[in-house]
């Protein structure tokens, strides 16, 4: 079974987060995407900024990580979207199977 990963990103607002999450799941690039409101503090163009954002956590396979990152970037409003890939080092066997089945044949959507 292919290695599994979580991909973290943030979106500017709930509508953008929902559009990204729905596209990833509908296109079978991610098995599931959680969204959470977050407050982010970051440096941008030399200034410290704070903004309300929506975090996205997508569960997928390592083999699809680049495709997920490309899809997030294509749908995203930010010039530099945050896209972080973290290996899943443990999960229940049933969850691993479900995740793998959920992203099988992503070209078929």
Protein backbone atom coordinates (compact mmCIF):
# COMPACT_ATOMS: atom_id res chain seq x y z
CA UNK A 1 0.00 0.00 0.00
CA UNK A 2 1.32 3.46 -0.93
CA UNK A 3 2.55 5.72 1.88
CA UNK A 4 -0.09 8.13 3.14
CA UNK A 5 0.26 11.83 3.92
CA UNK A 6 -1.62 14.81 5.29
CA UNK A 7 -1.40 18.05 3.34
CA UNK A 8 -1.93 21.26 5.28
CA UNK A 9 -2.91 24.51 3.60
CA UNK A 10 -4.81 27.66 4.48
CA UNK A 11 -7.43 29.55 2.50
CA UNK A 12 -8.48 33.18 2.63
CA UNK A 13 -12.10 32.44 3.55
CA UNK A 14 -14.64 29.61 4.04
CA UNK A 15 -15.86 29.74 0.43
CA UNK A 16 -12.37 29.27 -0.97
CA UNK A 17 -11.63 26.49 1.55
CA UNK A 18 -14.88 24.72 0.62
CA UNK A 19 -14.14 24.98 -3.12
CA UNK A 20 -10.66 23.52 -2.64
CA UNK A 21 -11.88 20.75 -0.31
CA UNK A 22 -14.75 19.76 -2.62
CA UNK A 23 -12.51 19.69 -5.70
CA UNK A 24 -9.87 17.52 -4.00
CA UNK A 25 -12.44 14.98 -2.81
CA UNK A 26 -14.58 15.03 -5.99
CA UNK A 27 -11.48 14.49 -8.13
CA UNK A 28 -10.34 11.64 -5.85
CA UNK A 29 -7.12 13.46 -5.02
CA UNK A 30 -7.95 13.37 -1.30
CA UNK A 31 -10.06 10.97 0.73
CA UNK A 32 -11.11 13.66 3.19
CA UNK A 33 -10.40 17.33 3.86
CA UNK A 34 -10.97 18.89 7.26
CA UNK A 35 -11.43 22.65 7.50
CA UNK A 36 -10.88 24.72 10.62
CA UNK A 37 -10.99 28.48 11.25
CA UNK A 38 -7.58 29.75 12.36
CA UNK A 39 -5.86 33.03 13.16
CA UNK A 40 -2.54 33.30 11.36
CA UNK A 41 0.36 35.62 12.13
CA UNK A 42 3.05 35.74 9.45
CA UNK A 43 5.59 37.95 7.71
CA UNK A 44 4.57 39.18 4.26
CA UNK A 45 6.43 41.74 2.19
CA UNK A 46 8.47 42.88 5.17
CA UNK A 47 5.58 43.40 7.59
CA UNK A 48 4.08 41.23 10.31
CA UNK A 49 0.45 40.50 9.43
CA UNK A 50 -2.42 38.78 11.21
CA UNK A 51 -5.42 37.38 9.36
CA UNK A 52 -8.40 35.11 9.88
CA UNK A 53 -7.99 32.12 7.57
CA UNK A 54 -9.37 28.63 7.13
CA UNK A 55 -6.97 25.72 7.54
CA UNK A 56 -7.36 22.68 5.31
CA UNK A 57 -6.00 19.24 6.17
CA UNK A 58 -6.25 16.80 3.26
CA UNK A 59 -5.56 13.08 3.65
CA UNK A 60 -4.12 11.36 0.57
CA UNK A 61 -1.26 9.19 -0.66
CA UNK A 62 2.34 10.24 -1.12
CA UNK A 63 1.99 9.39 -4.82
CA UNK A 64 -0.75 12.03 -5.18
CA UNK A 65 0.92 14.74 -3.06
CA UNK A 66 2.28 16.68 -6.04
CA UNK A 67 -1.08 16.55 -7.84
CA UNK A 68 -2.86 17.75 -4.69
CA UNK A 69 -0.36 20.60 -4.29
CA UNK A 70 -0.83 21.62 -7.92
CA UNK A 71 -4.63 21.55 -7.60
CA UNK A 72 -4.54 23.63 -4.41
CA UNK A 73 -2.27 26.16 -6.11
CA UNK A 74 -4.56 26.33 -9.15
CA UNK A 75 -7.65 27.04 -7.04
CA UNK A 76 -5.97 29.34 -4.52
CA UNK A 77 -6.18 33.13 -4.35
CA UNK A 78 -2.78 33.60 -2.64
CA UNK A 79 0.40 34.34 -4.59
CA UNK A 80 2.23 31.91 -2.27
CA UNK A 81 -0.21 29.38 -0.81
CA UNK A 82 0.95 27.37 2.17
CA UNK A 83 1.19 23.70 1.17
CA UNK A 84 2.88 21.42 3.69
CA UNK A 85 3.11 17.63 3.30
CA UNK A 86 3.45 15.47 6.43
CA UNK A 87 3.80 11.67 6.41
CA UNK A 88 1.17 9.68 8.26
CA UNK A 89 3.26 7.32 10.34
CA UNK A 90 0.40 5.43 11.91
CA UNK A 91 -3.33 4.86 11.55
CA UNK A 92 -5.83 2.07 11.96
CA UNK A 93 -5.69 -0.61 9.27
CA UNK A 94 -9.32 0.03 8.31
CA UNK A 95 -8.65 3.77 7.88
CA UNK A 96 -5.58 3.09 5.72
CA UNK A 97 -7.64 0.86 3.43
CA UNK A 98 -10.50 3.40 3.24
CA UNK A 99 -8.09 6.23 2.39
CA UNK A 100 -6.40 4.17 -0.33
CA UNK A 101 -9.74 3.13 -1.85
CA UNK A 102 -11.04 6.71 -1.74
CA UNK A 103 -8.23 8.05 -3.91
CA UNK A 104 -7.96 5.11 -6.29
CA UNK A 105 -8.20 6.12 -9.94
CA UNK A 106 -8.16 9.92 -9.44
CA UNK A 107 -8.47 10.59 -13.18
CA UNK A 108 -11.98 9.10 -13.07
CA UNK A 109 -13.19 11.57 -10.41
